[in-house]
Amino acid sequence: MSEAAAPLPLKQYPPCPNPDQAAMKRLGDAVRARLERDPQVERLPAEQAELWAAADFMSADECVRMMAMIDRTAVPSQILDHGYNEVWRTSYSGDVDIDDPFVRMIERRIDDLLGIPGEFGETMQGQRYAPGQEFREHMDWFWTKAPYFKTEAKRGGQRSYTAMIYLNDVEEGGETAFLNLGLSIPPQRGVLLAWNNGARDGSLNQFTLHAGTPVVSGTKYIITKWYRTRKWGHG
């Protein structure tokens, strides 16, 4: 399910405190205990970060249906300003309809797998990558010294967990590369990949740095759901 890659020298964001450290530790402990008991979930080989995979999480028909929804909503992707001075994310993305019963079913399935309350989850986002498109190295957790964090702290706090589902196989390219771990996961239809954005003590984990590598041939579709440390909303 995963391929080893030569790790790069450790790349880090400037250190920053995590006001939600205690909450991230509690949530990480609970999810770890739950997934370790689930025979359908595989722990990926990484000592410095917690990454999990579940095969056949979505059926082929469900994946096709979700890809069609992404095609209807996708617009050029945006990212929060981490000080990037060049194009960092060239995919198309869009929030899927949270009131659609099919979307709600998939979201509940992810909630149930991880054991995280549904109200902690952001709106699920779909992404589409054409040949040459990528999402360069980044963290999913928020850099707490950035101006945007004051807003994010009021509407759910730190991003604690990430769940991503590959909706199709890709002819070439499009791997999810965890650069500080030397781990690369190729897209495989229906596979769910989830990871803890914190370390075991709840601090922000620099080893979760990852990238969506450029698609070489074909089109890559994924959906991503991020979870906060408390109820997500527009506080």
C-alpha atoms as a PDB file:
ATOM      1  CA  MET A   1       0.000   0.000   0.000  1.00  0.00           C
ATOM      2  CA  SER A   2       2.960   2.316   0.576  1.00  0.00           C
ATOM      3  CA  GLU A   3       6.397   2.721  -0.938  1.00  0.00           C
ATOM      4  CA  ALA A   4       9.613   3.649   0.810  1.00  0.00           C
ATOM      5  CA  ALA A   5      11.373   6.738  -0.456  1.00  0.00           C
ATOM      6  CA  ALA A   6      14.676   8.313   0.477  1.00  0.00           C
ATOM      7  CA  PRO A   7      13.895  10.825   3.246  1.00  0.00           C
ATOM      8  CA  LEU A   8      14.971  14.390   2.716  1.00  0.00           C
ATOM      9  CA  PRO A   9      16.746  16.369   5.423  1.00  0.00           C
ATOM     10  CA  LEU A  10      14.151  17.259   8.056  1.00  0.00           C
ATOM     11  CA  LYS A  11      12.137  20.232   6.836  1.00  0.00           C
ATOM     12  CA  GLN A  12      10.401  22.183   9.569  1.00  0.00           C
ATOM     13  CA  TYR A  13       8.094  25.099  10.065  1.00  0.00           C
ATOM     14  CA  PRO A  14       9.363  27.632  12.606  1.00  0.00           C
ATOM     15  CA  PRO A  15       8.458  26.261  16.061  1.00  0.00           C
ATOM     16  CA  CYS A  16       5.218  27.513  17.549  1.00  0.00           C
ATOM     17  CA  PRO A  17       3.153  26.718  20.646  1.00  0.00           C
ATOM     18  CA  ASN A  18      -0.015  24.652  20.447  1.00  0.00           C
ATOM     19  CA  PRO A  19      -2.743  26.034  22.729  1.00  0.00           C
ATOM     20  CA  ASP A  20      -4.772  22.896  22.015  1.00  0.00           C
ATOM     21  CA  GLN A  21      -2.013  20.455  22.983  1.00  0.00           C
ATOM     22  CA  ALA A  22      -3.939  18.757  25.798  1.00  0.00           C
ATOM     23  CA  ALA A  23      -7.023  18.337  23.610  1.00  0.00           C
ATOM     24  CA  MET A  24      -4.956  16.953  20.734  1.00  0.00           C
ATOM     25  CA  LYS A  25      -3.328  14.427  23.051  1.00  0.00           C
ATOM     26  CA  ARG A  26      -6.713  13.227  24.351  1.00  0.00           C
ATOM     27  CA  LEU A  27      -8.126  12.898  20.861  1.00  0.00           C
ATOM     28  CA  GLY A  28      -4.987  11.198  19.540  1.00  0.00           C
ATOM     29  CA  ASP A  29      -5.029   8.677  22.390  1.00  0.00           C
ATOM     30  CA  ALA A  30      -8.689   7.846  21.739  1.00  0.00           C
ATOM     31  CA  VAL A  31      -8.298   7.441  17.968  1.00  0.00           C
ATOM     32  CA  ARG A  32      -5.154   5.336  18.364  1.00  0.00           C
ATOM     33  CA  ALA A  33      -6.875   2.957  20.769  1.00  0.00           C
ATOM     34  CA  ARG A  34      -9.849   2.646  18.424  1.00  0.00           C
ATOM     35  CA  LEU A  35      -7.862   2.011  15.248  1.00  0.00           C
ATOM     36  CA  GLU A  36      -5.515  -0.469  16.910  1.00  0.00           C
ATOM     37  CA  ARG A  37      -8.572  -2.654  17.619  1.00  0.00           C
ATOM     38  CA  ASP A  38      -9.907  -2.449  14.049  1.00  0.00           C
ATOM     39  CA  PRO A  39      -8.732  -5.412  11.903  1.00  0.00           C
ATOM     40  CA  GLN A  40      -9.625  -3.507   8.718  1.00  0.00           C
ATOM     41  CA  VAL A  41      -7.087  -0.753   9.451  1.00  0.00           C
ATOM     42  CA  GLU A  42      -3.345  -0.953   8.822  1.00  0.00           C
ATOM     43  CA  ARG A  43      -0.745   1.137  10.666  1.00  0.00           C
ATOM     44  CA  LEU A  44       1.798   2.406   8.146  1.00  0.00           C
ATOM     45  CA  PRO A  45       5.502   1.982   8.917  1.00  0.00           C
ATOM     46  CA  ALA A  46       6.478   5.281  10.508  1.00  0.00           C
ATOM     47  CA  GLU A  47       7.806   5.690  14.039  1.00  0.00           C
ATOM     48  CA  GLN A  48       7.650   9.483  14.171  1.00  0.00           C
ATOM     49  CA  ALA A  49       4.012   9.893  13.096  1.00  0.00           C
ATOM     50  CA  GLU A  50       0.741   7.962  13.250  1.00  0.00           C
ATOM     51  CA  LEU A  51      -0.567   7.086   9.790  1.00  0.00           C
ATOM     52  CA  TRP A  52      -3.328   4.577   9.102  1.00  0.00           C
ATOM     53  CA  ALA A  53      -4.869   3.080   5.959  1.00  0.00           C
ATOM     54  CA  ALA A  54      -8.116   1.213   5.278  1.00  0.00           C
ATOM     55  CA  ALA A  55      -8.614  -0.517   1.925  1.00  0.00           C
ATOM     56  CA  ASP A  56     -11.988  -0.557   0.154  1.00  0.00           C
ATOM     57  CA  PHE A  57     -13.370   2.152   2.414  1.00  0.00           C
ATOM     58  CA  MET A  58     -15.542   3.347  -0.482  1.00  0.00           C
ATOM     59  CA  SER A  59     -16.924   1.142  -3.247  1.00  0.00           C
ATOM     60  CA  ALA A  60     -16.176   1.723  -6.922  1.00  0.00           C
ATOM     61  CA  ASP A  61     -19.709   3.060  -7.506  1.00  0.00           C
ATOM     62  CA  GLU A  62     -19.426   5.427  -4.545  1.00  0.00           C
ATOM     63  CA  CYS A  63     -16.121   6.728  -5.858  1.00  0.00           C
ATOM     64  CA  VAL A  64     -17.592   7.407  -9.308  1.00  0.00           C
ATOM     65  CA  ARG A  65     -20.525   9.242  -7.752  1.00  0.00           C
ATOM     66  CA  MET A  66     -18.235  11.380  -5.589  1.00  0.00           C
ATOM     67  CA  MET A  67     -15.970  12.251  -8.537  1.00  0.00           C
ATOM     68  CA  ALA A  68     -18.999  13.561 -10.424  1.00  0.00           C
ATOM     69  CA  MET A  69     -19.864  15.762  -7.430  1.00  0.00           C
ATOM     70  CA  ILE A  70     -16.319  17.148  -7.379  1.00  0.00           C
ATOM     71  CA  ASP A  71     -16.507  17.977 -11.084  1.00  0.00           C
ATOM     72  CA  ARG A  72     -19.600  20.078 -10.395  1.00  0.00           C
ATOM     73  CA  THR A  73     -18.012  22.134  -7.615  1.00  0.00           C
ATOM     74  CA  ALA A  74     -14.283  22.306  -8.358  1.00  0.00           C
ATOM     75  CA  VAL A  75     -12.613  25.707  -8.682  1.00  0.00           C
ATOM     76  CA  PRO A  76      -8.902  26.652  -8.463  1.00  0.00           C
ATOM     77  CA  SER A  77      -7.623  25.656  -5.015  1.00  0.00           C
ATOM     78  CA  GLN A  78      -6.623  28.150  -2.349  1.00  0.00           C
ATOM     79  CA  ILE A  79      -4.477  27.813   0.762  1.00  0.00           C
ATOM     80  CA  LEU A  80      -4.079  29.778   3.959  1.00  0.00           C
ATOM     81  CA  ASP A  81      -1.139  32.173   3.818  1.00  0.00           C
ATOM     82  CA  HIS A  82       1.882  30.540   5.430  1.00  0.00           C
ATOM     83  CA  GLY A  83       4.240  33.044   3.834  1.00  0.00           C
ATOM     84  CA  TYR A  84       4.387  31.293   0.465  1.00  0.00           C
ATOM     85  CA  ASN A  85       5.696  33.550  -2.282  1.00  0.00           C
ATOM     86  CA  GLU A  86       4.969  31.287  -5.242  1.00  0.00           C
ATOM     87  CA  VAL A  87       2.283  28.978  -6.553  1.00  0.00           C
ATOM     88  CA  TRP A  88       2.044  26.112  -4.057  1.00  0.00           C
ATOM     89  CA  ARG A  89      -1.209  24.342  -4.914  1.00  0.00           C
ATOM     90  CA  THR A  90      -2.368  24.009  -8.505  1.00  0.00           C
ATOM     91  CA  SER A  91      -5.277  21.588  -8.156  1.00  0.00           C
ATOM     92  CA  TYR A  92      -9.000  22.273  -8.359  1.00  0.00           C
ATOM     93  CA  SER A  93     -11.124  21.793  -5.240  1.00  0.00           C
ATOM     94  CA  GLY A  94     -14.512  22.500  -3.724  1.00  0.00           C
ATOM     95  CA  ASP A  95     -16.616  21.734  -0.671  1.00  0.00           C
ATOM     96  CA  VAL A  96     -19.193  19.084  -1.443  1.00  0.00           C
ATOM     97  CA  ASP A  97     -22.854  19.593  -0.525  1.00  0.00           C
ATOM     98  CA  ILE A  98     -23.111  18.962   3.228  1.00  0.00           C
ATOM     99  CA  ASP A  99     -26.879  18.486   2.924  1.00  0.00           C
ATOM    100  CA  ASP A 100     -26.617  15.726   0.338  1.00  0.00           C
ATOM    101  CA  PRO A 101     -27.589  12.382   1.955  1.00  0.00           C
ATOM    102  CA  PHE A 102     -24.793  10.559   0.122  1.00  0.00           C
ATOM    103  CA  VAL A 103     -22.172  13.005   1.422  1.00  0.00           C
ATOM    104  CA  ARG A 104     -23.572  12.750   4.945  1.00  0.00           C
ATOM    105  CA  MET A 105     -23.355   8.957   4.763  1.00  0.00           C
ATOM    106  CA  ILE A 106     -19.667   9.034   3.770  1.00  0.00           C
ATOM    107  CA  GLU A 107     -18.891  11.615   6.448  1.00  0.00           C
ATOM    108  CA  ARG A 108     -20.590   9.494   9.129  1.00  0.00           C
ATOM    109  CA  ARG A 109     -18.591   6.494   7.964  1.00  0.00           C
ATOM    110  CA  ILE A 110     -15.346   8.419   8.479  1.00  0.00           C
ATOM    111  CA  ASP A 111     -16.535   9.721  11.869  1.00  0.00           C
ATOM    112  CA  ASP A 112     -17.371   6.188  12.970  1.00  0.00           C
ATOM    113  CA  LEU A 113     -14.037   4.767  11.815  1.00  0.00           C
ATOM    114  CA  LEU A 114     -12.015   7.334  13.753  1.00  0.00           C
ATOM    115  CA  GLY A 115     -14.439   7.724  16.639  1.00  0.00           C
ATOM    116  CA  ILE A 116     -14.292  11.513  16.402  1.00  0.00           C
ATOM    117  CA  PRO A 117     -17.550  13.440  16.967  1.00  0.00           C
ATOM    118  CA  GLY A 118     -18.996  14.550  13.661  1.00  0.00           C
ATOM    119  CA  GLU A 119     -19.356  18.130  14.862  1.00  0.00           C
ATOM    120  CA  PHE A 120     -15.551  18.348  15.134  1.00  0.00           C
ATOM    121  CA  GLY A 121     -15.235  17.822  11.378  1.00  0.00           C
ATOM    122  CA  GLU A 122     -14.909  20.522   8.752  1.00  0.00           C
ATOM    123  CA  THR A 123     -16.955  20.342   5.572  1.00  0.00           C
ATOM    124  CA  MET A 124     -15.547  17.573   3.396  1.00  0.00           C
ATOM    125  CA  GLN A 125     -13.551  18.906   0.445  1.00  0.00           C
ATOM    126  CA  GLY A 126     -13.061  17.293  -2.958  1.00  0.00           C
ATOM    127  CA  GLN A 127      -9.904  17.807  -5.017  1.00  0.00           C
ATOM    128  CA  ARG A 128      -9.034  17.092  -8.634  1.00  0.00           C
ATOM    129  CA  TYR A 129      -5.504  17.075 -10.061  1.00  0.00           C
ATOM    130  CA  ALA A 130      -4.834  17.081 -13.819  1.00  0.00           C
ATOM    131  CA  PRO A 131      -1.411  16.226 -15.305  1.00  0.00           C
ATOM    132  CA  GLY A 132       1.220  18.605 -13.940  1.00  0.00           C
ATOM    133  CA  GLN A 133      -0.893  19.726 -10.984  1.00  0.00           C
ATOM    134  CA  GLU A 134       0.335  19.270  -7.432  1.00  0.00           C
ATOM    135  CA  PHE A 135       0.156  20.435  -3.827  1.00  0.00           C
ATOM    136  CA  ARG A 136       3.688  21.135  -2.650  1.00  0.00           C
ATOM    137  CA  GLU A 137       4.960  20.296   0.842  1.00  0.00           C
ATOM    138  CA  HIS A 138       2.793  21.579   3.658  1.00  0.00           C
ATOM    139  CA  MET A 139       1.374  20.803   7.088  1.00  0.00           C
ATOM    140  CA  ASP A 140      -2.335  20.362   7.743  1.00  0.00           C
ATOM    141  CA  TRP A 141      -2.021  21.810  11.235  1.00  0.00           C
ATOM    142  CA  PHE A 142      -2.239  25.557  11.661  1.00  0.00           C
ATOM    143  CA  TRP A 143       0.851  27.608  12.374  1.00  0.00           C
ATOM    144  CA  THR A 144      -0.350  29.334  15.511  1.00  0.00           C
ATOM    145  CA  LYS A 145       1.794  32.462  15.044  1.00  0.00           C
ATOM    146  CA  ALA A 146       0.062  33.272  11.744  1.00  0.00           C
ATOM    147  CA  PRO A 147      -2.599  36.016  11.710  1.00  0.00           C
ATOM    148  CA  TYR A 148      -5.269  33.603  10.483  1.00  0.00           C
ATOM    149  CA  PHE A 149      -5.016  31.441  13.607  1.00  0.00           C
ATOM    150  CA  LYS A 150      -7.000  33.906  15.722  1.00  0.00           C
ATOM    151  CA  THR A 151      -9.970  33.212  13.464  1.00  0.00           C
ATOM    152  CA  GLU A 152      -9.403  29.456  13.381  1.00  0.00           C
ATOM    153  CA  ALA A 153      -9.056  29.302  17.173  1.00  0.00           C
ATOM    154  CA  LYS A 154     -12.564  30.731  17.476  1.00  0.00           C
ATOM    155  CA  ARG A 155     -14.136  28.229  15.131  1.00  0.00           C
ATOM    156  CA  GLY A 156     -12.837  24.899  16.340  1.00  0.00           C
ATOM    157  CA  GLY A 157      -9.184  25.301  17.174  1.00  0.00           C
ATOM    158  CA  GLN A 158      -6.295  23.280  15.836  1.00  0.00           C
ATOM    159  CA  ARG A 159      -6.645  20.652  13.099  1.00  0.00           C
ATOM    160  CA  SER A 160      -6.141  17.438  15.010  1.00  0.00           C
ATOM    161  CA  TYR A 161      -6.700  14.684  12.439  1.00  0.00           C
ATOM    162  CA  THR A 162      -6.794  14.368   8.655  1.00  0.00           C
ATOM    163  CA  ALA A 163      -8.742  11.748   6.706  1.00  0.00           C
ATOM    164  CA  MET A 164      -8.265  11.461   2.944  1.00  0.00           C
ATOM    165  CA  ILE A 165      -9.804   9.014   0.472  1.00  0.00           C
ATOM    166  CA  TYR A 166      -8.453   8.234  -2.987  1.00  0.00           C
ATOM    167  CA  LEU A 167     -11.329   8.006  -5.452  1.00  0.00           C
ATOM    168  CA  ASN A 168      -9.452   6.521  -8.401  1.00  0.00           C
ATOM    169  CA  ASP A 169      -6.234   4.895  -9.511  1.00  0.00           C
ATOM    170  CA  VAL A 170      -3.827   7.239 -11.288  1.00  0.00           C
ATOM    171  CA  GLU A 171      -1.800   6.107 -14.272  1.00  0.00           C
ATOM    172  CA  GLU A 172       1.390   7.803 -13.089  1.00  0.00           C
ATOM    173  CA  GLY A 173       2.293  10.264 -10.335  1.00  0.00           C
ATOM    174  CA  GLY A 174       0.030  11.850  -7.745  1.00  0.00           C
ATOM    175  CA  GLU A 175       1.509  10.087  -4.712  1.00  0.00           C
ATOM    176  CA  THR A 176       1.063  11.446  -1.200  1.00  0.00           C
ATOM    177  CA  ALA A 177       4.648  11.883  -0.054  1.00  0.00           C
ATOM    178  CA  PHE A 178       5.507  12.331   3.628  1.00  0.00           C
ATOM    179  CA  LEU A 179       8.871  13.919   3.012  1.00  0.00           C
ATOM    180  CA  ASN A 180      10.237  13.807   6.554  1.00  0.00           C
ATOM    181  CA  LEU A 181       9.327  10.125   6.859  1.00  0.00           C
ATOM    182  CA  GLY A 182      10.578   8.858   3.506  1.00  0.00           C
ATOM    183  CA  LEU A 183       7.113   7.427   2.863  1.00  0.00           C
ATOM    184  CA  SER A 184       5.116   7.705  -0.371  1.00  0.00           C
ATOM    185  CA  ILE A 185       1.569   6.389  -0.866  1.00  0.00           C
ATOM    186  CA  PRO A 186       0.297   5.921  -4.430  1.00  0.00           C
ATOM    187  CA  PRO A 187      -3.380   6.646  -5.173  1.00  0.00           C
ATOM    188  CA  GLN A 188      -5.527   3.510  -4.925  1.00  0.00           C
ATOM    189  CA  ARG A 189      -9.263   3.678  -5.486  1.00  0.00           C
ATOM    190  CA  GLY A 190     -11.335   3.456  -2.325  1.00  0.00           C
ATOM    191  CA  VAL A 191      -8.397   3.568   0.110  1.00  0.00           C
ATOM    192  CA  LEU A 192      -8.719   5.832   3.150  1.00  0.00           C
ATOM    193  CA  LEU A 193      -5.546   7.363   4.558  1.00  0.00           C
ATOM    194  CA  ALA A 194      -5.691   9.047   7.976  1.00  0.00           C
ATOM    195  CA  TRP A 195      -3.059  10.641  10.158  1.00  0.00           C
ATOM    196  CA  ASN A 196      -2.643  12.362  13.485  1.00  0.00           C
ATOM    197  CA  ASN A 197      -1.377  15.911  12.999  1.00  0.00           C
ATOM    198  CA  GLY A 198      -0.003  15.869  16.521  1.00  0.00           C
ATOM    199  CA  ALA A 199       2.707  13.890  18.237  1.00  0.00           C
ATOM    200  CA  ARG A 200       1.819  11.553  21.115  1.00  0.00           C
ATOM    201  CA  ASP A 201       2.111  14.422  23.581  1.00  0.00           C
ATOM    202  CA  GLY A 202      -0.249  16.590  21.504  1.00  0.00           C
ATOM    203  CA  SER A 203       2.428  18.926  20.190  1.00  0.00           C
ATOM    204  CA  LEU A 204       2.386  19.831  16.506  1.00  0.00           C
ATOM    205  CA  ASN A 205       4.180  17.101  14.584  1.00  0.00           C
ATOM    206  CA  GLN A 206       6.756  18.303  12.056  1.00  0.00           C
ATOM    207  CA  PHE A 207       6.963  14.771  10.644  1.00  0.00           C
ATOM    208  CA  THR A 208       3.497  15.115   9.099  1.00  0.00           C
ATOM    209  CA  LEU A 209       4.891  17.397   6.380  1.00  0.00           C
ATOM    210  CA  HIS A 210       3.473  16.018   3.136  1.00  0.00           C
ATOM    211  CA  ALA A 211       2.928  16.818  -0.518  1.00  0.00           C
ATOM    212  CA  GLY A 212       0.617  15.756  -3.304  1.00  0.00           C
ATOM    213  CA  THR A 213       3.225  15.060  -5.970  1.00  0.00           C
ATOM    214  CA  PRO A 214       2.560  16.138  -9.575  1.00  0.00           C
ATOM    215  CA  VAL A 215       0.272  13.933 -11.601  1.00  0.00           C
ATOM    216  CA  VAL A 216       2.171  12.690 -14.662  1.00  0.00           C
ATOM    217  CA  SER A 217      -0.575  10.834 -16.502  1.00  0.00           C
ATOM    218  CA  GLY A 218      -4.295  10.592 -15.787  1.00  0.00           C
ATOM    219  CA  THR A 219      -6.422  12.566 -13.327  1.00  0.00           C
ATOM    220  CA  LYS A 220      -6.360  12.246  -9.554  1.00  0.00           C
ATOM    221  CA  TYR A 221      -9.496  12.630  -7.411  1.00  0.00           C
ATOM    222  CA  ILE A 222      -9.535  12.668  -3.625  1.00  0.00           C
ATOM    223  CA  ILE A 223     -11.751  13.828  -0.799  1.00  0.00           C
ATOM    224  CA  THR A 224     -10.354  15.219   2.435  1.00  0.00           C
ATOM    225  CA  LYS A 225     -11.933  15.772   5.836  1.00  0.00           C
ATOM    226  CA  TRP A 226     -10.136  17.647   8.574  1.00  0.00           C
ATOM    227  CA  TYR A 227     -11.080  17.421  12.247  1.00  0.00           C
ATOM    228  CA  ARG A 228     -10.554  20.110  14.891  1.00  0.00           C
ATOM    229  CA  THR A 229     -10.023  19.772  18.632  1.00  0.00           C
ATOM    230  CA  ARG A 230     -13.589  20.858  19.383  1.00  0.00           C
ATOM    231  CA  LYS A 231     -16.822  21.715  17.603  1.00  0.00           C
ATOM    232  CA  TRP A 232     -16.166  23.311  14.233  1.00  0.00           C
ATOM    233  CA  GLY A 233     -18.107  26.378  13.209  1.00  0.00           C
ATOM    234  CA  HIS A 234     -18.051  30.072  12.615  1.00  0.00           C
ATOM    235  CA  GLY A 235     -17.660  31.307  16.168  1.00  0.00           C
END
